[in-house]
Amino acid sequence: MPPGRDPVKAMARLARLLRLLHDRGRSGVSATDLIRVAGYGGAAESGPDQLSADLRNLRRSGWQIDNVAPPGADARYRLVSVDNRLRVTLTDRQRAALQRALILVERDDLAARLGVAPASLPPGIGVDVLPHRASDALSRCHQAVRAASRIRFVYKGTPRVVHPGSVRFQNYQWYLSGLEEGGEQVKHFIVADMHDVALDEPGTARRVPGVGRIPLHPLRWEIDPPTTVTLTTTPEHVEDVVRWLMAPAGADDIVEVDGVVRMRYVITHLAAFRARLHILGPRVRLEGDGEGERLVREQLIADLRTMVGL
């Protein structure tokens, strides 16, 4: 800001301009009215130049202010209702990813509110934001939710038939949440890992009640059928186990006897559980030979064989 200018008065002036533009809505505001409300002072002929400077500053801050007057007519400005925080905080690639998502879900109304052009991606960027296969799968997931269609795909090598509940972006990935055919437990599938995606006829999916936000901690994700597993550790390593695996659900699920701590977990995301067991290493042991322990033990051995190339 030039020397001698009062920043408080300048901010108050910009706020008055925004207030008037907001109140007039779609009808817009003439340049004359904006100059009058701004109260620039000084020579009257300098008003248009000062208004132009203020509008440039507002646009740089993310506000979309368009001149909607026909060619040759006096200027008339309209404030487009957008969330200007996106303009300020998103990089070009992030804006491109947002554009691509809006194109895939066919939400021009949302694009307008966010101030993102939905018709095309900026030239030269964004083409690799989502792989083509992932883009196609994401589009089909949204179609399945909108049309209430069962969706079929291969996931982790297994063919799945899912009644879709929602599609959302969380933890830096897109997820499809829904019920597998014949199941009652909501599962969350990573869209980028879905293959051979196809839809059944509209209306073939059952309603999926209570699809909530995906828990932030991966061990709370409901990917696999519940599996009960008991671990043992020593008192000095309990904090490490809780840090990586969370505390067991119930007070009776952690018991210490003769210096050995037994901790029982109900696992619904086996891959995340195994990854954390690899980190804990010899600080924990699988206890017993129940179905859950046998399953996890076999998977751990398979993981280790893969790691050493066997």
Protein backbone atom coordinates (compact mmCIF):
# COMPACT_ATOMS: atom_id res chain seq x y z
CA MET A 1 0.00 0.00 0.00
CA PRO A 2 1.38 3.44 -0.91
CA PRO A 3 2.82 5.52 1.96
CA GLY A 4 0.30 7.63 3.78
CA ARG A 5 -2.65 5.33 3.04
CA ASP A 6 -4.64 4.17 6.06
CA PRO A 7 -4.97 0.33 5.83
CA VAL A 8 -7.99 0.29 8.17
CA LYS A 9 -9.88 2.76 5.97
CA ALA A 10 -8.87 0.80 2.86
CA MET A 11 -10.19 -2.47 4.32
CA ALA A 12 -13.41 -0.73 5.42
CA ARG A 13 -13.84 0.61 1.89
CA LEU A 14 -13.38 -2.85 0.35
CA ALA A 15 -15.87 -4.28 2.85
CA ARG A 16 -18.44 -1.65 1.83
CA LEU A 17 -17.97 -2.54 -1.82
CA LEU A 18 -18.39 -6.25 -1.13
CA ARG A 19 -21.43 -5.62 1.05
CA LEU A 20 -23.19 -3.66 -1.72
CA LEU A 21 -22.25 -6.19 -4.39
CA HIS A 22 -23.53 -9.02 -2.20
CA ASP A 23 -26.81 -7.25 -1.37
CA ARG A 24 -27.60 -6.45 -5.02
CA GLY A 25 -27.11 -10.09 -6.03
CA ARG A 26 -27.73 -10.96 -9.68
CA SER A 27 -28.90 -7.48 -10.62
CA GLY A 28 -25.41 -6.10 -10.03
CA VAL A 29 -24.25 -2.58 -9.14
CA SER A 30 -23.37 0.30 -11.41
CA ALA A 31 -19.88 1.75 -11.28
CA THR A 32 -21.42 5.06 -10.21
CA ASP A 33 -23.04 3.50 -7.13
CA LEU A 34 -19.84 1.67 -6.20
CA ILE A 35 -17.82 4.88 -6.43
CA ARG A 36 -20.38 6.67 -4.27
CA VAL A 37 -20.35 3.95 -1.58
CA ALA A 38 -16.55 3.74 -1.62
CA GLY A 39 -16.28 7.47 -0.86
CA TYR A 40 -12.90 7.94 -2.49
CA GLY A 41 -12.79 11.73 -2.11
CA GLY A 42 -10.47 13.91 -4.13
CA ALA A 43 -11.13 14.70 -7.75
CA ALA A 44 -14.29 13.12 -9.11
CA GLU A 45 -12.56 12.02 -12.30
CA SER A 46 -10.20 9.79 -10.29
CA GLY A 47 -13.07 7.68 -8.95
CA PRO A 48 -13.20 5.15 -11.84
CA ASP A 49 -9.44 4.55 -11.63
CA GLN A 50 -9.58 4.02 -7.86
CA LEU A 51 -12.56 1.67 -8.26
CA SER A 52 -10.67 -0.34 -10.88
CA ALA A 53 -7.72 -0.66 -8.50
CA ASP A 54 -9.97 -1.85 -5.65
CA LEU A 55 -11.70 -4.40 -7.89
CA ARG A 56 -8.32 -5.74 -9.02
CA ASN A 57 -7.27 -6.20 -5.40
CA LEU A 58 -10.51 -8.02 -4.58
CA ARG A 59 -10.10 -10.31 -7.56
CA ARG A 60 -6.53 -11.12 -6.55
CA SER A 61 -7.90 -12.14 -3.15
CA GLY A 62 -10.21 -14.64 -4.81
CA TRP A 63 -13.49 -12.75 -5.25
CA GLN A 64 -15.14 -13.20 -8.63
CA ILE A 65 -16.55 -9.82 -9.72
CA ASP A 66 -17.78 -9.64 -13.32
CA ASN A 67 -18.74 -6.67 -15.49
CA VAL A 68 -22.13 -7.81 -16.83
CA ALA A 69 -22.94 -4.67 -18.84
CA PRO A 70 -23.30 -5.11 -22.62
CA PRO A 71 -20.52 -3.73 -24.85
CA GLY A 72 -20.57 0.06 -25.05
CA ALA A 73 -22.76 0.49 -21.93
CA ASP A 74 -21.70 1.88 -18.56
CA ALA A 75 -19.99 -0.72 -16.38
CA ARG A 76 -22.19 -2.81 -14.08
CA TYR A 77 -20.55 -5.24 -11.69
CA ARG A 78 -21.90 -8.45 -10.21
CA LEU A 79 -20.43 -10.55 -7.39
CA VAL A 80 -20.57 -14.26 -8.17
CA SER A 81 -21.33 -16.34 -5.10
CA VAL A 82 -18.25 -18.49 -4.67
CA ASP A 83 -16.09 -19.88 -1.88
CA ASN A 84 -13.09 -17.64 -2.49
CA ARG A 85 -10.94 -19.56 0.00
CA LEU A 86 -10.28 -22.12 -2.73
CA ARG A 87 -8.90 -19.48 -5.06
CA VAL A 88 -6.47 -18.34 -2.39
CA THR A 89 -5.29 -21.70 -1.03
CA LEU A 90 -5.31 -24.16 -3.95
CA THR A 91 -2.41 -24.66 -6.32
CA ASP A 92 -2.94 -24.98 -10.07
CA ARG A 93 -2.73 -28.76 -9.86
CA GLN A 94 -5.16 -28.87 -6.95
CA ARG A 95 -7.62 -26.70 -8.86
CA ALA A 96 -7.21 -29.04 -11.83
CA ALA A 97 -7.98 -32.05 -9.64
CA LEU A 98 -11.08 -30.30 -8.33
CA GLN A 99 -12.17 -29.48 -11.88
CA ARG A 100 -11.70 -33.08 -12.94
CA ALA A 101 -13.76 -34.35 -10.01
CA LEU A 102 -16.57 -31.91 -10.80
CA ILE A 103 -16.55 -33.00 -14.43
CA LEU A 104 -16.77 -36.65 -13.41
CA VAL A 105 -19.72 -36.11 -11.09
CA GLU A 106 -21.47 -33.72 -13.50
CA ARG A 107 -22.05 -31.03 -10.87
CA ASP A 108 -21.97 -27.74 -12.75
CA ASP A 109 -23.96 -26.14 -9.93
CA LEU A 110 -21.25 -27.01 -7.42
CA ALA A 111 -18.57 -25.82 -9.80
CA ALA A 112 -20.26 -22.43 -10.02
CA ARG A 113 -20.45 -22.09 -6.24
CA LEU A 114 -16.75 -22.97 -5.91
CA GLY A 115 -15.71 -20.66 -8.73
CA VAL A 116 -14.25 -23.50 -10.78
CA ALA A 117 -14.91 -23.73 -14.52
CA PRO A 118 -16.40 -27.19 -15.06
CA ALA A 119 -16.25 -27.34 -18.84
CA SER A 120 -12.56 -28.10 -19.36
CA LEU A 121 -9.24 -28.50 -17.63
CA PRO A 122 -6.55 -25.81 -17.83
CA PRO A 123 -4.30 -26.56 -20.83
CA GLY A 124 -1.20 -28.56 -20.04
CA ILE A 125 -2.06 -29.49 -16.47
CA GLY A 126 -4.33 -31.92 -14.74
CA VAL A 127 -4.26 -34.69 -17.33
CA ASP A 128 -2.41 -36.97 -14.94
CA VAL A 129 -4.18 -35.95 -11.73
CA LEU A 130 -6.17 -39.19 -11.86
CA PRO A 131 -5.11 -42.21 -13.95
CA HIS A 132 -7.61 -42.93 -16.73
CA ARG A 133 -8.73 -46.18 -15.09
CA ALA A 134 -9.24 -44.49 -11.73
CA SER A 135 -11.17 -41.66 -13.40
CA ASP A 136 -13.44 -44.16 -15.14
CA ALA A 137 -14.00 -46.10 -11.92
CA LEU A 138 -14.79 -42.91 -9.99
CA SER A 139 -17.30 -41.83 -12.62
CA ARG A 140 -19.02 -45.23 -12.47
CA CYS A 141 -19.12 -45.09 -8.66
CA HIS A 142 -20.91 -41.75 -8.76
CA GLN A 143 -23.30 -43.06 -11.40
CA ALA A 144 -24.05 -46.10 -9.23
CA VAL A 145 -24.94 -43.91 -6.23
CA ARG A 146 -27.12 -41.54 -8.27
CA ALA A 147 -28.97 -44.33 -10.11
CA ALA A 148 -29.17 -46.74 -7.14
CA SER A 149 -27.43 -49.39 -9.24
CA ARG A 150 -25.50 -52.32 -7.90
CA ILE A 151 -21.85 -51.98 -8.84
CA ARG A 152 -19.58 -54.91 -9.75
CA PHE A 153 -15.78 -54.80 -9.63
CA VAL A 154 -12.67 -56.79 -8.76
CA TYR A 155 -11.00 -55.71 -5.51
CA LYS A 156 -7.91 -57.36 -4.01
CA GLY A 157 -8.32 -60.12 -6.56
CA THR A 158 -11.89 -60.91 -5.51
CA PRO A 159 -15.03 -60.17 -7.57
CA ARG A 160 -17.41 -57.96 -5.55
CA VAL A 161 -21.05 -56.96 -5.92
CA VAL A 162 -21.80 -53.85 -3.84
CA HIS A 163 -24.89 -51.80 -3.03
CA PRO A 164 -23.38 -48.28 -3.07
CA GLY A 165 -24.06 -45.79 -0.30
CA SER A 166 -21.70 -42.86 -0.92
CA VAL A 167 -18.54 -41.72 -2.68
CA ARG A 168 -16.21 -39.38 -0.84
CA PHE A 169 -12.68 -38.00 -0.87
CA GLN A 170 -10.87 -38.57 2.43
CA ASN A 171 -7.35 -39.36 3.60
CA TYR A 172 -6.08 -38.19 0.16
CA GLN A 173 -8.08 -40.87 -1.70
CA TRP A 174 -11.53 -41.51 -3.17
CA TYR A 175 -13.63 -44.17 -1.44
CA LEU A 176 -16.83 -46.02 -2.33
CA SER A 177 -18.81 -46.98 0.79
CA GLY A 178 -21.53 -49.60 0.61
CA LEU A 179 -22.80 -53.07 1.44
CA GLU A 180 -21.50 -56.16 -0.29
CA GLU A 181 -24.20 -58.43 -1.67
CA GLY A 182 -25.50 -60.57 1.19
CA GLY A 183 -23.65 -58.57 3.88
CA GLU A 184 -24.84 -56.15 6.54
CA GLN A 185 -21.57 -54.36 7.33
CA VAL A 186 -20.69 -51.13 5.51
CA LYS A 187 -17.30 -51.39 3.83
CA HIS A 188 -15.06 -48.71 2.32
CA PHE A 189 -13.29 -49.47 -0.98
CA ILE A 190 -10.42 -47.43 -2.44
CA VAL A 191 -11.64 -46.41 -5.89
CA ALA A 192 -8.15 -46.45 -7.43
CA ASP A 193 -7.83 -50.15 -6.49
CA MET A 194 -11.09 -51.18 -8.19
CA HIS A 195 -10.83 -53.07 -11.52
CA ASP A 196 -13.32 -54.12 -14.21
CA VAL A 197 -16.04 -51.83 -12.88
CA ALA A 198 -19.57 -52.37 -14.24
CA LEU A 199 -23.07 -51.30 -13.21
CA ASP A 200 -26.33 -53.23 -12.98
CA GLU A 201 -29.63 -51.69 -14.00
CA PRO A 202 -30.80 -48.53 -12.17
CA GLY A 203 -32.81 -49.28 -9.06
CA THR A 204 -31.16 -52.67 -8.39
CA ALA A 205 -29.28 -51.47 -5.29
CA ARG A 206 -30.80 -51.58 -1.85
CA ARG A 207 -30.73 -48.55 0.39
CA VAL A 208 -27.61 -48.28 2.57
CA PRO A 209 -28.55 -46.65 5.90
CA GLY A 210 -26.11 -44.97 8.25
CA VAL A 211 -23.18 -44.42 5.89
CA GLY A 212 -21.08 -42.14 8.07
CA ARG A 213 -17.70 -40.50 7.75
CA ILE A 214 -14.81 -42.88 7.21
CA PRO A 215 -12.83 -43.13 10.46
CA LEU A 216 -9.42 -41.48 10.27
CA HIS A 217 -7.61 -44.43 11.87
CA PRO A 218 -7.25 -47.26 9.29
CA LEU A 219 -7.82 -49.94 11.95
CA ARG A 220 -11.39 -48.66 12.29
CA TRP A 221 -12.11 -49.10 8.58
CA GLU A 222 -14.61 -51.87 7.93
CA ILE A 223 -12.89 -53.57 5.00
CA ASP A 224 -12.87 -57.21 6.13
CA PRO A 225 -15.24 -59.37 8.21
CA PRO A 226 -14.56 -58.92 11.96
CA THR A 227 -11.70 -61.14 13.09
CA THR A 228 -10.76 -61.59 16.77
CA VAL A 229 -7.03 -61.73 17.49
CA THR A 230 -5.15 -61.96 20.81
CA LEU A 231 -1.64 -60.57 21.21
CA THR A 232 0.82 -60.75 24.07
CA THR A 233 3.42 -58.19 25.05
CA THR A 234 5.33 -57.02 28.09
CA PRO A 235 4.33 -54.14 30.38
CA GLU A 236 7.09 -51.87 29.06
CA HIS A 237 5.80 -52.25 25.48
CA VAL A 238 2.10 -51.68 26.14
CA GLU A 239 2.37 -47.99 25.23
CA ASP A 240 3.99 -48.89 21.91
CA VAL A 241 1.24 -51.38 21.12
CA VAL A 242 -1.49 -48.86 21.96
CA ARG A 243 0.26 -46.20 19.88
CA TRP A 244 0.19 -48.40 16.77
CA LEU A 245 -2.91 -50.54 17.33
CA MET A 246 -5.02 -48.29 19.59
CA ALA A 247 -6.28 -49.50 22.96
CA PRO A 248 -8.46 -52.61 22.98
CA ALA A 249 -12.18 -51.84 22.87
CA GLY A 250 -13.16 -53.14 26.31
CA ALA A 251 -11.64 -53.11 29.79
CA ASP A 252 -11.67 -56.93 29.79
CA ASP A 253 -9.70 -57.02 26.54
CA ILE A 254 -6.39 -56.17 28.23
CA VAL A 255 -5.17 -58.34 31.11
CA GLU A 256 -1.77 -58.65 32.79
CA VAL A 257 -0.80 -61.93 34.44
CA ASP A 258 2.71 -62.76 35.73
CA GLY A 259 4.36 -60.02 33.67
CA VAL A 260 2.59 -60.96 30.43
CA VAL A 261 -0.01 -58.58 28.99
CA ARG A 262 -2.74 -60.12 26.81
CA MET A 263 -4.56 -57.73 24.46
CA ARG A 264 -7.59 -58.79 22.43
CA TYR A 265 -8.63 -56.93 19.26
CA VAL A 266 -11.49 -57.23 16.80
CA ILE A 267 -9.93 -56.46 13.41
CA THR A 268 -11.87 -55.21 10.39
CA HIS A 269 -8.88 -54.12 8.28
CA LEU A 270 -6.37 -56.97 8.20
CA ALA A 271 -3.85 -55.31 5.89
CA ALA A 272 -3.54 -52.25 8.15
CA PHE A 273 -3.29 -54.51 11.22
CA ARG A 274 -0.49 -56.57 9.67
CA ALA A 275 1.42 -53.45 8.62
CA ARG A 276 1.48 -52.33 12.24
CA LEU A 277 2.52 -55.75 13.48
CA HIS A 278 5.52 -55.55 11.14
CA ILE A 279 6.44 -52.23 12.76
CA LEU A 280 6.05 -53.58 16.30
CA GLY A 281 8.15 -56.65 15.45
CA PRO A 282 9.23 -58.78 18.45
CA ARG A 283 7.49 -56.44 20.89
CA VAL A 284 4.27 -58.42 20.28
CA ARG A 285 3.38 -62.08 19.68
CA LEU A 286 0.27 -63.74 18.30
CA GLU A 287 -1.22 -65.74 21.15
CA GLY A 288 -3.01 -69.05 20.67
CA ASP A 289 -4.18 -70.92 17.60
CA GLY A 290 -7.69 -69.61 17.06
CA GLU A 291 -9.14 -68.91 13.64
CA GLY A 292 -8.16 -65.24 13.76
CA GLU A 293 -4.61 -65.93 14.90
CA ARG A 294 -4.15 -68.62 12.21
CA LEU A 295 -5.40 -66.28 9.50
CA VAL A 296 -3.15 -63.39 10.55
CA ARG A 297 -0.17 -65.71 11.01
CA GLU A 298 -0.55 -67.12 7.49
CA GLN A 299 -0.84 -63.61 6.05
CA LEU A 300 2.22 -62.40 7.96
CA ILE A 301 4.27 -65.32 6.63
CA ALA A 302 3.06 -64.56 3.10
CA ASP A 303 4.07 -60.91 3.58
CA LEU A 304 7.56 -61.92 4.70
CA ARG A 305 7.97 -64.35 1.77
CA THR A 306 7.06 -61.54 -0.61
CA MET A 307 9.54 -59.19 1.06
CA VAL A 308 12.47 -61.62 0.63
CA GLY A 309 11.39 -62.71 -2.85
CA LEU A 310 10.36 -66.30 -2.10
